[in-house]
Every structure is written in structure tokens, then in C-alpha cells.
Amino acid sequence: MLIAASLLINNVKAQSFTLNGTIEGKASGFAYLNYTAKGNKRQTDSAKIQNGKFAFAGQLDGPTMSSLSLEPPSRMSYNADYTTLFIEPGKMTATLKAGIFAMAG
């Protein structure tokens, strides 16, 4: 039974995703996305914010929980510009306000 489950997990085909976002009140800087990428590997990616817009692209094995922030991920500080969200293969959009990411939902 464990062998069958292992074979199923190893045969999951990675699929691409894109996350396009807009941040009101933040014209430039960087956005950071932390998620589980293909092969069950943790990935932290950054995207440059230009004119309040950013974009991420990558490969996923399926829907996964992620975190999005305006500061590099840290366990030691509070970050008002931090939120969690599910991402999945396909095209997604996010619209956020700087300073209150936690209220996005």
C-alpha cells in the first residue's frame, strides 16, 4: 500500500501557475511569495513591484498554501504586509492595500 501511494505521489505532473497582483499604496519595491513548489520543495520567490504591479510564475504539483509579503520572510518580526493564500495551477490575480495585507481575504 505504501509503495502504491509513493508511486502516485511521484507521478504527479507539475503544472504552471501565474499570480498577477496590484498593491494600492506601494508603487515600487519587492513582493515575496513563499510556497511549496513542484517536488514538494519549499520555494521563496521575489518579484519587483513596478507602478504598483507584480507577477509571479512557477510550477506546482497542485493547490498549496502560500504566503505573500512585502518583506523577506522572517519568523522574528510582525509584518502588516503579510497574508496567506492558496495558490493553484492556472492564472490568478490578487489586489491588496499596503499596510493591511492581513485584512485581504
Protein backbone atom coordinates (compact mmCIF):
# COMPACT_ATOMS: atom_id res chain seq x y z
CA MET A 1 0.00 0.00 0.00
CA LEU A 2 2.83 2.42 0.82
CA ILE A 3 4.51 1.60 -2.47
CA ALA A 4 1.32 2.41 -4.39
CA ALA A 5 0.94 5.73 -2.56
CA SER A 6 4.58 6.57 -3.25
CA LEU A 7 4.15 5.81 -6.95
CA LEU A 8 1.08 8.05 -7.13
CA ILE A 9 2.90 10.92 -5.44
CA ASN A 10 5.91 10.56 -7.73
CA ASN A 11 3.68 10.54 -10.83
CA VAL A 12 2.02 13.88 -10.05
CA LYS A 13 2.68 16.14 -13.02
CA ALA A 14 3.81 19.66 -12.19
CA GLN A 15 1.63 22.40 -13.65
CA SER A 16 2.37 26.08 -14.16
CA PHE A 17 0.82 28.99 -12.29
CA THR A 18 0.90 32.75 -12.61
CA LEU A 19 -0.08 35.22 -9.92
CA ASN A 20 -0.52 38.82 -11.09
CA GLY A 21 -1.07 41.39 -8.39
CA THR A 22 -1.76 45.02 -7.69
CA ILE A 23 -0.80 46.78 -4.46
CA GLU A 24 -2.54 50.05 -3.71
CA GLY A 25 -0.19 52.44 -1.91
CA LYS A 26 3.06 50.75 -2.98
CA ALA A 27 4.47 51.88 -6.33
CA SER A 28 7.85 50.14 -6.12
CA GLY A 29 9.86 47.65 -4.09
CA PHE A 30 9.59 43.86 -3.94
CA ALA A 31 6.91 41.29 -3.15
CA TYR A 32 7.83 37.85 -1.74
CA LEU A 33 5.92 34.60 -2.29
CA ASN A 34 6.69 31.54 -0.16
CA TYR A 35 5.08 28.26 -1.31
CA THR A 36 5.54 24.54 -1.89
CA ALA A 37 6.75 24.10 -5.46
CA LYS A 38 6.94 21.01 -7.66
CA GLY A 39 8.53 18.02 -5.99
CA ASN A 40 7.29 19.17 -2.55
CA LYS A 41 10.15 21.70 -2.24
CA ARG A 42 9.72 24.98 -0.33
CA GLN A 43 10.28 27.96 -2.60
CA THR A 44 10.70 31.65 -1.79
CA ASP A 45 10.42 33.86 -4.85
CA SER A 46 10.61 37.63 -5.22
CA ALA A 47 9.03 39.92 -7.79
CA LYS A 48 9.80 43.55 -8.47
CA ILE A 49 6.87 45.91 -7.91
CA GLN A 50 6.56 48.41 -10.74
CA ASN A 51 3.78 51.01 -10.75
CA GLY A 52 2.04 49.00 -8.02
CA LYS A 53 2.01 45.74 -10.01
CA PHE A 54 3.90 42.46 -9.61
CA ALA A 55 3.87 38.98 -11.15
CA PHE A 56 4.98 35.51 -10.04
CA ALA A 57 5.20 32.34 -12.13
CA GLY A 58 6.24 28.82 -11.24
CA GLN A 59 5.43 25.12 -11.14
CA LEU A 60 3.13 23.39 -8.63
CA ASP A 61 2.04 19.80 -8.10
CA GLY A 62 -1.43 21.07 -7.13
CA PRO A 63 -3.13 23.63 -4.87
CA THR A 64 -0.95 24.72 -1.96
CA MET A 65 -0.91 27.24 0.88
CA SER A 66 1.43 30.18 0.36
CA SER A 67 2.37 33.46 1.99
CA LEU A 68 2.74 36.82 0.30
CA SER A 69 4.59 39.75 1.87
CA LEU A 70 6.46 42.96 1.15
CA GLU A 71 9.43 41.92 3.31
CA PRO A 72 11.59 38.81 3.06
CA PRO A 73 10.03 36.02 5.17
CA SER A 74 11.01 36.22 8.84
CA ARG A 75 9.76 34.46 11.96
CA MET A 76 11.01 37.18 14.27
CA SER A 77 9.01 40.26 13.34
CA TYR A 78 5.44 41.41 12.82
CA ASN A 79 4.67 42.38 9.26
CA ALA A 80 1.40 44.19 8.44
CA ASP A 81 2.10 43.49 4.78
CA TYR A 82 1.82 39.70 5.12
CA THR A 83 -1.04 37.38 4.21
CA THR A 84 -1.61 33.71 3.49
CA LEU A 85 -3.44 32.43 0.45
CA PHE A 86 -3.97 29.28 -1.56
CA ILE A 87 -2.37 29.18 -4.97
CA GLU A 88 -3.11 26.61 -7.66
CA PRO A 89 -2.11 25.78 -11.21
CA GLY A 90 -3.54 28.35 -13.63
CA LYS A 91 -3.85 32.13 -13.72
CA MET A 92 -4.68 34.06 -10.54
CA THR A 93 -4.92 37.71 -9.52
CA ALA A 94 -4.58 39.48 -6.18
CA THR A 95 -5.47 43.05 -5.22
CA LEU A 96 -4.04 44.31 -1.94
CA LYS A 97 -3.56 47.52 0.04
CA ALA A 98 -0.16 48.32 1.54
CA GLY A 99 -0.20 48.25 5.33
CA ILE A 100 -3.23 45.96 5.65
CA PHE A 101 -2.41 42.71 3.82
CA ALA A 102 -3.76 40.73 6.77
CA MET A 103 -7.24 42.05 6.00
CA ALA A 104 -7.15 40.65 2.45
CA GLY A 105 -9.44 37.75 2.28
